[in-house]
Amino acid sequence: MVTYRELPGEAKVWIYQSNRPFTEEELKVLEPQIGAFADEWVSHNVKLKAFGAVYLKQFIVLMVDESQAGASGCSIDRSVYFLKLVERNFGVELFDRQTFAFRLGDEVRTAPKQEFSALFQKGIINDDTLVFDNLVNTKASFDQAWIKPLGESWHKRMV
């Protein structure tokens, strides 16, 4: 597996949000599995220059430098298969795009779209609440815009 620093800003990014934080014990098992997957990830029998990690105990992030070899449909299918195994082995959901993550104090919280809107209406969250934009798709946008105020995010349309 390559290091985060080795990847260029245009590296492709996929973010998978867990419905709950992973425990320390789970992370001891999961993090090496993600590293092994990234290290062995191939596209059309060509090793990908890939990186994977868990961020904030709740987000699995995969990155690929596509300048040497791009992630093909088959290689993306392999990543989905790997992540489905993670779901099964750890009892989490990683593919629910209707649940939003945000910071409340120092904690990462999640809420389904309707509940997220209700939290805004009640004033529990506001335009300054930091949200996680899991739709960013490059390392540069991950670095600069993954976490941003709700008022500056597409999440604002959901409240």
N, C-alpha and C. Protein backbone atom coordinates (compact mmCIF):
# COMPACT_ATOMS: atom_id res chain seq x y z
N MET A 1 0.85 -1.19 0.00
CA MET A 1 0.00 0.00 0.00
C MET A 1 0.89 1.23 0.00
N VAL A 2 0.51 2.20 -0.79
CA VAL A 2 1.23 3.46 -0.82
C VAL A 2 0.78 4.30 0.38
N THR A 3 1.54 5.32 0.68
CA THR A 3 1.16 6.21 1.77
C THR A 3 0.25 7.31 1.23
N TYR A 4 -0.45 7.93 2.13
CA TYR A 4 -1.34 9.03 1.78
C TYR A 4 -0.57 10.13 1.06
N ARG A 5 0.61 10.45 1.57
CA ARG A 5 1.41 11.54 1.01
C ARG A 5 1.86 11.26 -0.42
N GLU A 6 1.98 9.98 -0.78
CA GLU A 6 2.43 9.63 -2.12
C GLU A 6 1.38 9.86 -3.20
N LEU A 7 0.14 10.00 -2.80
CA LEU A 7 -0.94 10.15 -3.78
C LEU A 7 -1.07 11.59 -4.24
N PRO A 8 -1.28 11.80 -5.54
CA PRO A 8 -1.48 13.16 -6.05
C PRO A 8 -2.87 13.68 -5.70
N GLY A 9 -3.05 14.98 -5.83
CA GLY A 9 -4.34 15.59 -5.52
C GLY A 9 -5.49 15.06 -6.35
N GLU A 10 -5.20 14.59 -7.57
CA GLU A 10 -6.27 14.08 -8.44
C GLU A 10 -6.58 12.59 -8.21
N ALA A 11 -5.95 11.99 -7.21
CA ALA A 11 -6.26 10.58 -6.90
C ALA A 11 -7.76 10.43 -6.64
N LYS A 12 -8.34 9.35 -7.14
CA LYS A 12 -9.77 9.07 -6.99
C LYS A 12 -10.05 8.64 -5.54
N VAL A 13 -11.17 9.11 -4.99
CA VAL A 13 -11.53 8.83 -3.60
C VAL A 13 -12.93 8.24 -3.51
N TRP A 14 -13.07 7.23 -2.65
CA TRP A 14 -14.37 6.67 -2.29
C TRP A 14 -14.47 6.69 -0.77
N ILE A 15 -15.58 7.20 -0.26
CA ILE A 15 -15.79 7.28 1.19
C ILE A 15 -17.01 6.46 1.55
N TYR A 16 -16.83 5.58 2.53
CA TYR A 16 -17.92 4.73 3.02
C TYR A 16 -18.13 5.03 4.50
N GLN A 17 -19.29 5.55 4.81
CA GLN A 17 -19.63 5.96 6.16
C GLN A 17 -20.31 4.80 6.89
N SER A 18 -19.79 4.46 8.04
CA SER A 18 -20.40 3.43 8.86
C SER A 18 -21.56 4.02 9.66
N ASN A 19 -22.55 3.20 9.94
CA ASN A 19 -23.69 3.66 10.73
C ASN A 19 -23.33 3.81 12.21
N ARG A 20 -22.14 3.38 12.57
CA ARG A 20 -21.67 3.55 13.96
C ARG A 20 -20.15 3.57 13.95
N PRO A 21 -19.54 4.13 14.99
CA PRO A 21 -18.08 4.10 15.07
C PRO A 21 -17.60 2.67 15.30
N PHE A 22 -16.44 2.36 14.76
CA PHE A 22 -15.80 1.07 15.05
C PHE A 22 -15.14 1.17 16.41
N THR A 23 -15.17 0.09 17.17
CA THR A 23 -14.51 0.07 18.47
C THR A 23 -13.00 -0.05 18.28
N GLU A 24 -12.25 0.21 19.32
CA GLU A 24 -10.79 0.07 19.26
C GLU A 24 -10.41 -1.36 18.89
N GLU A 25 -11.11 -2.32 19.47
CA GLU A 25 -10.82 -3.73 19.16
C GLU A 25 -11.11 -4.03 17.69
N GLU A 26 -12.21 -3.52 17.18
CA GLU A 26 -12.55 -3.72 15.77
C GLU A 26 -11.51 -3.07 14.86
N LEU A 27 -11.05 -1.87 15.24
CA LEU A 27 -10.07 -1.18 14.42
C LEU A 27 -8.76 -1.95 14.34
N LYS A 28 -8.40 -2.65 15.41
CA LYS A 28 -7.17 -3.46 15.40
C LYS A 28 -7.25 -4.56 14.35
N VAL A 29 -8.44 -5.03 14.07
CA VAL A 29 -8.64 -6.07 13.06
C VAL A 29 -8.87 -5.43 11.68
N LEU A 30 -9.70 -4.40 11.64
CA LEU A 30 -10.12 -3.80 10.37
C LEU A 30 -9.01 -3.06 9.65
N GLU A 31 -8.24 -2.26 10.36
CA GLU A 31 -7.23 -1.44 9.69
C GLU A 31 -6.21 -2.28 8.90
N PRO A 32 -5.70 -3.38 9.47
CA PRO A 32 -4.80 -4.23 8.65
C PRO A 32 -5.51 -4.86 7.44
N GLN A 33 -6.79 -5.17 7.59
CA GLN A 33 -7.54 -5.73 6.46
C GLN A 33 -7.67 -4.71 5.33
N ILE A 34 -7.94 -3.46 5.69
CA ILE A 34 -8.04 -2.41 4.68
C ILE A 34 -6.68 -2.21 4.00
N GLY A 35 -5.62 -2.19 4.79
CA GLY A 35 -4.27 -2.06 4.23
C GLY A 35 -3.95 -3.19 3.27
N ALA A 36 -4.29 -4.41 3.66
CA ALA A 36 -4.03 -5.57 2.80
C ALA A 36 -4.85 -5.48 1.51
N PHE A 37 -6.10 -5.06 1.63
CA PHE A 37 -6.93 -4.92 0.43
C PHE A 37 -6.30 -3.90 -0.51
N ALA A 38 -5.95 -2.72 0.00
CA ALA A 38 -5.37 -1.67 -0.84
C ALA A 38 -4.07 -2.14 -1.48
N ASP A 39 -3.28 -2.90 -0.73
CA ASP A 39 -2.00 -3.39 -1.24
C ASP A 39 -2.18 -4.42 -2.35
N GLU A 40 -3.28 -5.17 -2.31
CA GLU A 40 -3.50 -6.24 -3.29
C GLU A 40 -4.50 -5.85 -4.38
N TRP A 41 -5.04 -4.66 -4.33
CA TRP A 41 -6.09 -4.23 -5.26
C TRP A 41 -5.52 -4.12 -6.67
N VAL A 42 -6.17 -4.78 -7.62
CA VAL A 42 -5.72 -4.78 -9.01
C VAL A 42 -6.86 -4.39 -9.95
N SER A 43 -6.48 -3.93 -11.12
CA SER A 43 -7.42 -3.63 -12.20
C SER A 43 -6.85 -4.27 -13.47
N HIS A 44 -7.58 -5.21 -14.01
CA HIS A 44 -7.11 -5.93 -15.21
C HIS A 44 -5.70 -6.47 -15.00
N ASN A 45 -5.49 -7.09 -13.86
CA ASN A 45 -4.22 -7.72 -13.48
C ASN A 45 -3.07 -6.73 -13.30
N VAL A 46 -3.38 -5.46 -13.19
CA VAL A 46 -2.36 -4.44 -12.92
C VAL A 46 -2.59 -3.91 -11.51
N LYS A 47 -1.52 -3.97 -10.70
CA LYS A 47 -1.63 -3.51 -9.31
C LYS A 47 -1.94 -2.01 -9.29
N LEU A 48 -2.95 -1.65 -8.51
CA LEU A 48 -3.30 -0.24 -8.37
C LEU A 48 -2.43 0.41 -7.31
N LYS A 49 -2.13 1.67 -7.52
CA LYS A 49 -1.43 2.47 -6.52
C LYS A 49 -2.51 2.99 -5.58
N ALA A 50 -2.79 2.21 -4.53
CA ALA A 50 -3.97 2.46 -3.69
C ALA A 50 -3.60 2.67 -2.23
N PHE A 51 -4.49 3.36 -1.55
CA PHE A 51 -4.38 3.65 -0.12
C PHE A 51 -5.75 3.44 0.50
N GLY A 52 -5.77 2.95 1.72
CA GLY A 52 -7.03 2.82 2.45
C GLY A 52 -6.82 3.04 3.93
N ALA A 53 -7.81 3.62 4.58
CA ALA A 53 -7.71 3.89 6.01
C ALA A 53 -9.09 4.14 6.59
N VAL A 54 -9.17 4.07 7.92
CA VAL A 54 -10.38 4.45 8.64
C VAL A 54 -10.12 5.83 9.23
N TYR A 55 -11.04 6.74 8.99
CA TYR A 55 -10.95 8.09 9.53
C TYR A 55 -12.01 8.27 10.61
N LEU A 56 -11.60 8.89 11.70
CA LEU A 56 -12.51 9.24 12.79
C LEU A 56 -13.33 8.03 13.28
N LYS A 57 -12.75 6.86 13.15
CA LYS A 57 -13.34 5.59 13.61
C LYS A 57 -14.63 5.23 12.88
N GLN A 58 -15.04 6.01 11.87
CA GLN A 58 -16.36 5.79 11.29
C GLN A 58 -16.40 5.83 9.76
N PHE A 59 -15.34 6.25 9.11
CA PHE A 59 -15.34 6.39 7.66
C PHE A 59 -14.21 5.56 7.06
N ILE A 60 -14.56 4.66 6.16
CA ILE A 60 -13.54 3.93 5.42
C ILE A 60 -13.30 4.69 4.13
N VAL A 61 -12.04 5.06 3.92
CA VAL A 61 -11.67 5.85 2.75
C VAL A 61 -10.68 5.06 1.91
N LEU A 62 -11.01 4.90 0.64
CA LEU A 62 -10.12 4.26 -0.33
C LEU A 62 -9.72 5.30 -1.36
N MET A 63 -8.43 5.27 -1.76
CA MET A 63 -7.92 6.21 -2.76
C MET A 63 -7.08 5.45 -3.77
N VAL A 64 -7.14 5.90 -5.02
CA VAL A 64 -6.36 5.30 -6.09
C VAL A 64 -5.75 6.38 -6.96
N ASP A 65 -4.44 6.27 -7.20
CA ASP A 65 -3.77 7.13 -8.17
C ASP A 65 -4.00 6.49 -9.53
N GLU A 66 -4.87 7.11 -10.32
CA GLU A 66 -5.23 6.53 -11.61
C GLU A 66 -4.30 6.95 -12.74
N SER A 67 -3.19 7.62 -12.42
CA SER A 67 -2.26 8.04 -13.47
C SER A 67 -1.52 6.84 -14.07
N GLN A 68 -1.35 5.78 -13.29
CA GLN A 68 -0.66 4.59 -13.78
C GLN A 68 -1.64 3.52 -14.25
N ALA A 69 -2.68 3.31 -13.48
CA ALA A 69 -3.72 2.34 -13.83
C ALA A 69 -5.01 2.80 -13.17
N GLY A 70 -6.07 2.86 -13.94
CA GLY A 70 -7.35 3.32 -13.41
C GLY A 70 -8.15 2.19 -12.80
N ALA A 71 -9.01 2.54 -11.87
CA ALA A 71 -9.92 1.56 -11.26
C ALA A 71 -11.01 1.25 -12.27
N SER A 72 -11.07 0.00 -12.69
CA SER A 72 -12.07 -0.43 -13.68
C SER A 72 -13.33 -0.91 -12.97
N GLY A 73 -14.33 -1.24 -13.76
CA GLY A 73 -15.56 -1.78 -13.18
C GLY A 73 -15.30 -3.01 -12.33
N CYS A 74 -14.44 -3.90 -12.82
CA CYS A 74 -14.14 -5.12 -12.06
C CYS A 74 -13.43 -4.81 -10.75
N SER A 75 -12.50 -3.86 -10.78
CA SER A 75 -11.77 -3.54 -9.55
C SER A 75 -12.68 -2.83 -8.55
N ILE A 76 -13.60 -2.01 -9.06
CA ILE A 76 -14.56 -1.36 -8.17
C ILE A 76 -15.50 -2.41 -7.57
N ASP A 77 -15.89 -3.40 -8.38
CA ASP A 77 -16.69 -4.51 -7.86
C ASP A 77 -15.96 -5.24 -6.74
N ARG A 78 -14.64 -5.40 -6.88
CA ARG A 78 -13.85 -6.05 -5.82
C ARG A 78 -13.88 -5.24 -4.53
N SER A 79 -13.82 -3.91 -4.66
CA SER A 79 -13.86 -3.08 -3.46
C SER A 79 -15.23 -3.18 -2.79
N VAL A 80 -16.30 -3.21 -3.58
CA VAL A 80 -17.65 -3.35 -3.03
C VAL A 80 -17.78 -4.70 -2.33
N TYR A 81 -17.25 -5.75 -2.94
CA TYR A 81 -17.27 -7.08 -2.32
C TYR A 81 -16.53 -7.06 -0.98
N PHE A 82 -15.35 -6.44 -0.96
CA PHE A 82 -14.59 -6.31 0.28
C PHE A 82 -15.39 -5.56 1.35
N LEU A 83 -16.01 -4.46 0.96
CA LEU A 83 -16.77 -3.66 1.92
C LEU A 83 -18.03 -4.38 2.40
N LYS A 84 -18.63 -5.19 1.55
CA LYS A 84 -19.77 -6.01 1.98
C LYS A 84 -19.31 -7.04 3.02
N LEU A 85 -18.11 -7.56 2.87
CA LEU A 85 -17.55 -8.46 3.89
C LEU A 85 -17.34 -7.71 5.21
N VAL A 86 -16.86 -6.48 5.12
CA VAL A 86 -16.69 -5.66 6.32
C VAL A 86 -18.04 -5.48 7.01
N GLU A 87 -19.07 -5.17 6.23
CA GLU A 87 -20.40 -5.02 6.81
C GLU A 87 -20.81 -6.28 7.56
N ARG A 88 -20.64 -7.41 6.91
CA ARG A 88 -21.07 -8.68 7.52
C ARG A 88 -20.22 -9.03 8.75
N ASN A 89 -18.92 -8.85 8.65
CA ASN A 89 -18.02 -9.24 9.74
C ASN A 89 -18.11 -8.32 10.96
N PHE A 90 -18.48 -7.06 10.75
CA PHE A 90 -18.50 -6.11 11.85
C PHE A 90 -19.91 -5.63 12.21
N GLY A 91 -20.91 -6.10 11.49
CA GLY A 91 -22.28 -5.72 11.80
C GLY A 91 -22.56 -4.24 11.62
N VAL A 92 -22.03 -3.68 10.52
CA VAL A 92 -22.24 -2.26 10.23
C VAL A 92 -22.91 -2.11 8.86
N GLU A 93 -23.38 -0.90 8.59
CA GLU A 93 -23.90 -0.54 7.26
C GLU A 93 -22.98 0.51 6.67
N LEU A 94 -22.51 0.26 5.45
CA LEU A 94 -21.58 1.18 4.80
C LEU A 94 -22.15 1.82 3.53
N PHE A 95 -23.32 1.39 3.10
CA PHE A 95 -23.85 1.85 1.81
C PHE A 95 -25.14 2.66 1.92
N ASP A 96 -25.46 3.15 3.11
CA ASP A 96 -26.67 3.95 3.30
C ASP A 96 -26.36 5.41 2.99
N ARG A 97 -26.73 5.86 1.80
CA ARG A 97 -26.44 7.24 1.37
C ARG A 97 -27.53 8.22 1.82
N GLN A 98 -28.53 7.73 2.54
CA GLN A 98 -29.61 8.59 3.02
C GLN A 98 -29.41 9.00 4.49
N THR A 99 -28.26 8.64 5.05
CA THR A 99 -27.93 9.02 6.41
C THR A 99 -26.74 9.97 6.35
N PHE A 100 -26.85 11.09 7.03
CA PHE A 100 -25.83 12.13 6.98
C PHE A 100 -25.01 12.13 8.27
N ALA A 101 -23.73 12.43 8.13
CA ALA A 101 -22.84 12.52 9.28
C ALA A 101 -22.48 13.98 9.53
N PHE A 102 -22.38 14.31 10.81
CA PHE A 102 -22.08 15.68 11.21
C PHE A 102 -21.41 15.66 12.57
N ARG A 103 -20.79 16.78 12.91
CA ARG A 103 -20.16 16.91 14.23
C ARG A 103 -21.12 17.62 15.17
N LEU A 104 -21.26 17.05 16.34
CA LEU A 104 -22.00 17.71 17.41
C LEU A 104 -21.02 17.74 18.58
N GLY A 105 -20.47 18.91 18.83
CA GLY A 105 -19.37 19.01 19.78
C GLY A 105 -18.16 18.29 19.19
N ASP A 106 -17.57 17.39 19.96
CA ASP A 106 -16.41 16.63 19.48
C ASP A 106 -16.81 15.28 18.88
N GLU A 107 -18.09 14.99 18.85
CA GLU A 107 -18.56 13.69 18.39
C GLU A 107 -19.04 13.72 16.95
N VAL A 108 -18.80 12.60 16.25
CA VAL A 108 -19.41 12.40 14.94
C VAL A 108 -20.75 11.75 15.20
N ARG A 109 -21.80 12.35 14.67
CA ARG A 109 -23.16 11.80 14.80
C ARG A 109 -23.70 11.52 13.41
N THR A 110 -24.67 10.65 13.34
CA THR A 110 -25.35 10.40 12.07
C THR A 110 -26.85 10.51 12.28
N ALA A 111 -27.53 10.86 11.19
CA ALA A 111 -28.99 10.96 11.25
C ALA A 111 -29.55 10.71 9.85
N PRO A 112 -30.66 9.95 9.78
CA PRO A 112 -31.33 9.81 8.48
C PRO A 112 -31.80 11.18 8.00
N LYS A 113 -32.01 11.30 6.70
CA LYS A 113 -32.34 12.58 6.08
C LYS A 113 -33.47 13.32 6.80
N GLN A 114 -34.57 12.63 7.12
CA GLN A 114 -35.71 13.29 7.77
C GLN A 114 -35.34 13.78 9.17
N GLU A 115 -34.62 12.97 9.91
CA GLU A 115 -34.20 13.36 11.26
C GLU A 115 -33.21 14.53 11.19
N PHE A 116 -32.33 14.50 10.19
CA PHE A 116 -31.36 15.57 9.99
C PHE A 116 -32.09 16.91 9.81
N SER A 117 -33.12 16.89 8.98
CA SER A 117 -33.93 18.09 8.75
C SER A 117 -34.60 18.55 10.05
N ALA A 118 -35.13 17.60 10.81
CA ALA A 118 -35.79 17.94 12.09
C ALA A 118 -34.79 18.55 13.07
N LEU A 119 -33.56 18.04 13.09
CA LEU A 119 -32.54 18.59 13.98
C LEU A 119 -32.25 20.05 13.61
N PHE A 120 -32.27 20.35 12.32
CA PHE A 120 -32.06 21.72 11.87
C PHE A 120 -33.24 22.60 12.28
N GLN A 121 -34.44 22.11 12.06
CA GLN A 121 -35.64 22.89 12.41
C GLN A 121 -35.70 23.18 13.91
N LYS A 122 -35.22 22.26 14.73
CA LYS A 122 -35.22 22.44 16.19
C LYS A 122 -34.03 23.28 16.68
N GLY A 123 -33.11 23.61 15.79
CA GLY A 123 -31.96 24.42 16.18
C GLY A 123 -30.83 23.62 16.82
N ILE A 124 -30.91 22.30 16.80
CA ILE A 124 -29.85 21.47 17.37
C ILE A 124 -28.61 21.52 16.48
N ILE A 125 -28.84 21.56 15.16
CA ILE A 125 -27.76 21.83 14.21
C ILE A 125 -28.13 23.08 13.44
N ASN A 126 -27.11 23.74 12.86
CA ASN A 126 -27.36 24.98 12.12
C ASN A 126 -26.37 25.10 10.97
N ASP A 127 -26.37 26.24 10.31
CA ASP A 127 -25.50 26.44 9.14
C ASP A 127 -24.02 26.30 9.47
N ASP A 128 -23.65 26.46 10.74
CA ASP A 128 -22.25 26.35 11.14
C ASP A 128 -21.85 24.93 11.55
N THR A 129 -22.81 24.04 11.68
CA THR A 129 -22.53 22.65 12.04
C THR A 129 -21.67 22.02 10.95
N LEU A 130 -20.59 21.36 11.35
CA LEU A 130 -19.72 20.71 10.38
C LEU A 130 -20.34 19.40 9.92
N VAL A 131 -20.41 19.24 8.60
CA VAL A 131 -20.95 18.03 7.99
C VAL A 131 -19.86 17.35 7.17
N PHE A 132 -20.06 16.07 6.89
CA PHE A 132 -19.11 15.28 6.12
C PHE A 132 -19.68 15.09 4.71
N ASP A 133 -18.99 15.63 3.73
CA ASP A 133 -19.42 15.51 2.35
C ASP A 133 -18.75 14.28 1.73
N ASN A 134 -19.42 13.15 1.85
CA ASN A 134 -18.86 11.89 1.37
C ASN A 134 -18.93 11.75 -0.15
N LEU A 135 -19.37 12.81 -0.83
CA LEU A 135 -19.40 12.80 -2.29
C LEU A 135 -18.13 13.36 -2.91
N VAL A 136 -17.21 13.89 -2.09
CA VAL A 136 -15.95 14.37 -2.67
C VAL A 136 -15.30 13.18 -3.38
N ASN A 137 -14.63 13.45 -4.50
CA ASN A 137 -14.13 12.32 -5.27
C ASN A 137 -12.67 12.39 -5.67
N THR A 138 -11.94 13.36 -5.14
CA THR A 138 -10.50 13.41 -5.34
C THR A 138 -9.82 13.66 -4.00
N LYS A 139 -8.54 13.33 -3.94
CA LYS A 139 -7.79 13.57 -2.71
C LYS A 139 -7.78 15.06 -2.37
N ALA A 140 -7.61 15.90 -3.38
CA ALA A 140 -7.59 17.35 -3.12
C ALA A 140 -8.91 17.82 -2.52
N SER A 141 -10.02 17.35 -3.06
CA SER A 141 -11.32 17.78 -2.51
C SER A 141 -11.55 17.14 -1.14
N PHE A 142 -11.02 15.95 -0.93
CA PHE A 142 -11.09 15.32 0.40
C PHE A 142 -10.34 16.19 1.41
N ASP A 143 -9.15 16.61 1.05
CA ASP A 143 -8.34 17.45 1.94
C ASP A 143 -9.01 18.79 2.24
N GLN A 144 -9.63 19.39 1.23
CA GLN A 144 -10.12 20.75 1.36
C GLN A 144 -11.60 20.87 1.69
N ALA A 145 -12.40 19.86 1.34
CA ALA A 145 -13.84 20.06 1.43
C ALA A 145 -14.63 18.88 1.97
N TRP A 146 -13.98 17.87 2.49
CA TRP A 146 -14.73 16.73 3.03
C TRP A 146 -15.55 17.18 4.24
N ILE A 147 -14.95 17.97 5.11
CA ILE A 147 -15.64 18.48 6.30
C ILE A 147 -15.84 19.98 6.09
N LYS A 148 -17.10 20.40 6.13
CA LYS A 148 -17.40 21.80 5.86
C LYS A 148 -18.66 22.21 6.61
N PRO A 149 -18.89 23.51 6.79
CA PRO A 149 -20.13 23.95 7.43
C PRO A 149 -21.35 23.56 6.61
N LEU A 150 -22.40 23.17 7.29
CA LEU A 150 -23.64 22.77 6.63
C LEU A 150 -24.10 23.83 5.63
N GLY A 151 -24.00 25.09 6.00
CA GLY A 151 -24.45 26.18 5.13
C GLY A 151 -23.69 26.28 3.82
N GLU A 152 -22.51 25.66 3.73
CA GLU A 152 -21.69 25.68 2.51
C GLU A 152 -21.74 24.35 1.77
N SER A 153 -22.60 23.45 2.21
CA SER A 153 -22.64 22.10 1.67
C SER A 153 -23.96 21.82 0.95
N TRP A 154 -23.96 20.81 0.11
CA TRP A 154 -25.20 20.37 -0.54
C TRP A 154 -26.21 19.89 0.50
N HIS A 155 -25.77 19.56 1.70
CA HIS A 155 -26.67 19.14 2.78
C HIS A 155 -27.72 20.22 3.09
N LYS A 156 -27.38 21.48 2.83
CA LYS A 156 -28.28 22.59 3.12
C LYS A 156 -29.62 22.41 2.40
N ARG A 157 -29.59 21.83 1.21
CA ARG A 157 -30.83 21.60 0.45
C ARG A 157 -31.73 20.56 1.12
N MET A 158 -31.18 19.80 2.05
CA MET A 158 -31.92 18.71 2.70
C MET A 158 -32.64 19.16 3.97
N VAL A 159 -32.41 20.40 4.41
CA VAL A 159 -33.04 20.85 5.65
C VAL A 159 -34.15 21.82 5.33
